[in-house]
C-alpha atoms as a PDB file:
ATOM      1  CA  MET A   1      30.128 -47.012 -41.781  1.00  0.00           C
ATOM      2  CA  THR A   2      32.518 -48.420 -44.353  1.00  0.00           C
ATOM      3  CA  ARG A   3      32.552 -45.091 -46.143  1.00  0.00           C
ATOM      4  CA  MET A   4      33.420 -43.329 -42.894  1.00  0.00           C
ATOM      5  CA  ALA A   5      36.256 -45.765 -42.161  1.00  0.00           C
ATOM      6  CA  SER A   6      37.735 -45.323 -45.633  1.00  0.00           C
ATOM      7  CA  TYR A   7      37.465 -41.541 -45.276  1.00  0.00           C
ATOM      8  CA  GLU A   8      39.205 -41.672 -41.903  1.00  0.00           C
ATOM      9  CA  GLU A   9      42.060 -43.722 -43.364  1.00  0.00           C
ATOM     10  CA  GLY A  10      42.391 -41.673 -46.548  1.00  0.00           C
ATOM     11  CA  ASP A  11      41.453 -38.017 -46.861  1.00  0.00           C
ATOM     12  CA  GLY A  12      40.420 -37.777 -43.230  1.00  0.00           C
ATOM     13  CA  LYS A  13      44.023 -37.774 -41.997  1.00  0.00           C
ATOM     14  CA  LYS A  14      44.902 -34.928 -44.340  1.00  0.00           C
ATOM     15  CA  HIS A  15      41.804 -32.944 -43.397  1.00  0.00           C
ATOM     16  CA  MET A  16      42.420 -33.448 -39.673  1.00  0.00           C
ATOM     17  CA  ASN A  17      45.973 -32.135 -40.069  1.00  0.00           C
ATOM     18  CA  VAL A  18      44.657 -29.036 -41.845  1.00  0.00           C
ATOM     19  CA  VAL A  19      41.861 -28.254 -39.392  1.00  0.00           C
ATOM     20  CA  ARG A  20      43.968 -28.694 -36.264  1.00  0.00           C
ATOM     21  CA  PHE A  21      45.201 -25.119 -36.902  1.00  0.00           C
ATOM     22  CA  PHE A  22      43.151 -21.956 -36.793  1.00  0.00           C
ATOM     23  CA  LYS A  23      42.317 -20.701 -40.251  1.00  0.00           C
ATOM     24  CA  GLY A  24      44.535 -17.625 -39.986  1.00  0.00           C
ATOM     25  CA  ASP A  25      47.473 -19.660 -38.712  1.00  0.00           C
ATOM     26  CA  TYR A  26      47.119 -22.220 -41.502  1.00  0.00           C
ATOM     27  CA  ILE A  27      47.038 -19.487 -44.137  1.00  0.00           C
ATOM     28  CA  ALA A  28      49.967 -17.620 -42.532  1.00  0.00           C
ATOM     29  CA  VAL A  29      52.155 -20.723 -42.558  1.00  0.00           C
ATOM     30  CA  GLY A  30      51.207 -21.381 -46.182  1.00  0.00           C
ATOM     31  CA  ILE A  31      52.067 -17.807 -47.154  1.00  0.00           C
ATOM     32  CA  LEU A  32      55.389 -17.977 -45.307  1.00  0.00           C
ATOM     33  CA  LYS A  33      56.280 -21.165 -47.172  1.00  0.00           C
ATOM     34  CA  ALA A  34      55.203 -19.513 -50.429  1.00  0.00           C
ATOM     35  CA  ILE A  35      57.417 -16.465 -49.857  1.00  0.00           C
ATOM     36  CA  ILE A  36      60.431 -18.679 -49.201  1.00  0.00           C
ATOM     37  CA  CYS A  37      59.759 -20.867 -52.234  1.00  0.00           C
ATOM     38  CA  ALA A  38      59.061 -17.887 -54.487  1.00  0.00           C
ATOM     39  CA  SER A  39      62.264 -16.170 -53.381  1.00  0.00           C
ATOM     40  CA  LEU A  40      64.341 -19.270 -54.056  1.00  0.00           C
ATOM     41  CA  SER A  41      62.628 -19.792 -57.406  1.00  0.00           C
ATOM     42  CA  PHE A  42      63.177 -16.197 -58.451  1.00  0.00           C
ATOM     43  CA  ALA A  43      66.841 -16.363 -57.449  1.00  0.00           C
ATOM     44  CA  LEU A  44      67.281 -19.555 -59.453  1.00  0.00           C
ATOM     45  CA  ILE A  45      65.539 -18.098 -62.503  1.00  0.00           C
ATOM     46  CA  LEU A  46      67.628 -14.926 -62.261  1.00  0.00           C
ATOM     47  CA  ALA A  47      70.842 -16.942 -61.919  1.00  0.00           C
ATOM     48  CA  LEU A  48      69.943 -19.039 -64.960  1.00  0.00           C
ATOM     49  CA  TYR A  49      69.102 -15.913 -66.949  1.00  0.00           C
ATOM     50  CA  VAL A  50      72.422 -14.271 -66.078  1.00  0.00           C
ATOM     51  CA  TYR A  51      74.306 -17.509 -66.793  1.00  0.00           C
ATOM     52  CA  TYR A  52      72.612 -17.927 -70.168  1.00  0.00           C
ATOM     53  CA  ASN A  53      73.243 -14.299 -71.205  1.00  0.00           C
ATOM     54  CA  PHE A  54      76.567 -13.907 -69.424  1.00  0.00           C
ATOM     55  CA  ASP A  55      78.512 -12.648 -72.454  1.00  0.00           C
ATOM     56  CA  VAL A  56      75.893  -9.987 -73.241  1.00  0.00           C
ATOM     57  CA  PHE A  57      75.630  -9.087 -69.584  1.00  0.00           C
ATOM     58  CA  MET A  58      79.401  -8.659 -69.146  1.00  0.00           C
ATOM     59  CA  SER A  59      79.840  -6.645 -72.373  1.00  0.00           C
ATOM     60  CA  SER A  60      77.093  -4.189 -71.421  1.00  0.00           C
ATOM     61  CA  ILE A  61      77.827  -3.908 -67.698  1.00  0.00           C
ATOM     62  CA  TYR A  62      79.709  -0.629 -68.162  1.00  0.00           C
ATOM     63  CA  ASP A  63      77.043   0.917 -70.408  1.00  0.00           C
ATOM     64  CA  MET A  64      73.942   0.134 -68.396  1.00  0.00           C
ATOM     65  CA  ASP A  65      72.535   1.964 -65.406  1.00  0.00           C
ATOM     66  CA  ILE A  66      73.061  -0.425 -62.487  1.00  0.00           C
ATOM     67  CA  LEU A  67      70.537   1.310 -60.244  1.00  0.00           C
ATOM     68  CA  ALA A  68      67.804   1.058 -62.888  1.00  0.00           C
ATOM     69  CA  PHE A  69      68.741  -2.576 -63.506  1.00  0.00           C
ATOM     70  CA  VAL A  70      68.504  -3.441 -59.792  1.00  0.00           C
ATOM     71  CA  ARG A  71      65.247  -1.492 -59.503  1.00  0.00           C
ATOM     72  CA  SER A  72      63.724  -3.436 -62.415  1.00  0.00           C
ATOM     73  CA  ILE A  73      64.830  -6.750 -60.887  1.00  0.00           C
ATOM     74  CA  LEU A  74      63.341  -5.804 -57.508  1.00  0.00           C
ATOM     75  CA  THR A  75      60.099  -4.733 -59.189  1.00  0.00           C
ATOM     76  CA  LYS A  76      59.872  -8.036 -61.041  1.00  0.00           C
ATOM     77  CA  TYR A  77      60.647  -9.861 -57.786  1.00  0.00           C
ATOM     78  CA  ALA A  78      57.878  -8.000 -55.964  1.00  0.00           C
ATOM     79  CA  TRP A  79      55.374  -8.842 -58.716  1.00  0.00           C
ATOM     80  CA  PHE A  80      56.474 -12.474 -58.799  1.00  0.00           C
ATOM     81  CA  VAL A  81      56.212 -12.938 -55.040  1.00  0.00           C
ATOM     82  CA  GLY A  82      52.981 -10.927 -54.818  1.00  0.00           C
ATOM     83  CA  ILE A  83      51.205 -13.007 -57.433  1.00  0.00           C
ATOM     84  CA  TYR A  84      52.538 -16.228 -55.892  1.00  0.00           C
ATOM     85  CA  VAL A  85      51.317 -15.173 -52.442  1.00  0.00           C
ATOM     86  CA  MET A  86      47.854 -14.266 -53.761  1.00  0.00           C
ATOM     87  CA  ILE A  87      47.536 -17.665 -55.430  1.00  0.00           C
ATOM     88  CA  THR A  88      48.721 -19.351 -52.227  1.00  0.00           C
ATOM     89  CA  TYR A  89      46.183 -17.409 -50.161  1.00  0.00           C
ATOM     90  CA  VAL A  90      43.330 -18.539 -52.402  1.00  0.00           C
ATOM     91  CA  VAL A  91      44.504 -22.163 -52.450  1.00  0.00           C
ATOM     92  CA  CYS A  92      45.015 -22.302 -48.655  1.00  0.00           C
ATOM     93  CA  THR A  93      41.609 -20.729 -48.023  1.00  0.00           C
ATOM     94  CA  ILE A  94      39.856 -23.183 -50.321  1.00  0.00           C
ATOM     95  CA  THR A  95      41.773 -26.123 -48.832  1.00  0.00           C
ATOM     96  CA  TYR A  96      40.935 -25.110 -45.259  1.00  0.00           C
ATOM     97  CA  ASN A  97      37.245 -24.494 -45.994  1.00  0.00           C
ATOM     98  CA  THR A  98      36.911 -27.786 -47.881  1.00  0.00           C
ATOM     99  CA  SER A  99      38.627 -29.737 -45.111  1.00  0.00           C
ATOM    100  CA  ARG A 100      36.471 -28.109 -42.454  1.00  0.00           C
ATOM    101  CA  ARG A 101      33.265 -28.803 -44.372  1.00  0.00           C
ATOM    102  CA  LYS A 102      34.165 -32.464 -44.960  1.00  0.00           C
ATOM    103  CA  LEU A 103      35.160 -32.979 -41.333  1.00  0.00           C
ATOM    104  CA  LYS A 104      31.859 -31.472 -40.181  1.00  0.00           C
ATOM    105  CA  ARG A 105      30.029 -33.966 -42.362  1.00  0.00           C
ATOM    106  CA  TYR A 106      32.213 -36.783 -41.016  1.00  0.00           C
ATOM    107  CA  TYR A 107      31.491 -35.841 -37.372  1.00  0.00           C
ATOM    108  CA  ARG A 108      27.789 -35.467 -38.148  1.00  0.00           C
ATOM    109  CA  ASN A 109      27.807 -38.992 -39.565  1.00  0.00           C
ATOM    110  CA  LEU A 110      29.631 -40.204 -36.450  1.00  0.00           C
ATOM    111  CA  ARG A 111      26.893 -38.742 -34.240  1.00  0.00           C
ATOM    112  CA  VAL A 112      24.237 -40.471 -36.348  1.00  0.00           C
ATOM    113  CA  LEU A 113      26.130 -43.748 -36.073  1.00  0.00           C
ATOM    114  CA  LYS A 114      26.449 -43.327 -32.298  1.00  0.00           C
ATOM    115  CA  LYS A 115      22.710 -42.738 -32.025  1.00  0.00           C
ATOM    116  CA  MET A 116      22.092 -45.884 -34.037  1.00  0.00           C
ATOM    117  CA  TYR A 117      24.293 -47.910 -31.692  1.00  0.00           C
ATOM    118  CA  ASP A 118      22.651 -46.358 -28.623  1.00  0.00           C
ATOM    119  CA  ARG A 119      19.197 -47.445 -29.842  1.00  0.00           C
ATOM    120  CA  GLN A 120      20.290 -51.063 -30.131  1.00  0.00           C
END
């Protein structure tokens, strides 16, 4: 009983917030957040790279093929976001399944406790 109360106050709140969504909805929201964060991170990394190499970038801007440069950046962006989304999918799936399993055990223990109180 004490263990159940401490679970309800601690991890139980987090698990209840996770399981209140359907699994697909929880994963979709996580992936949407991941795409936004990955896009912002990639833009920041690209801006820092251009800022750090600004003199080289400006001296070679007339010699390089802009279309190939943009294509390579978009390819790297697609890889970056794709890998980030795959990792997010795995993490969200594991988090949802773990929360669901622990909440099932918690509710099973609640039923046992209720039966114990009903006997008395």
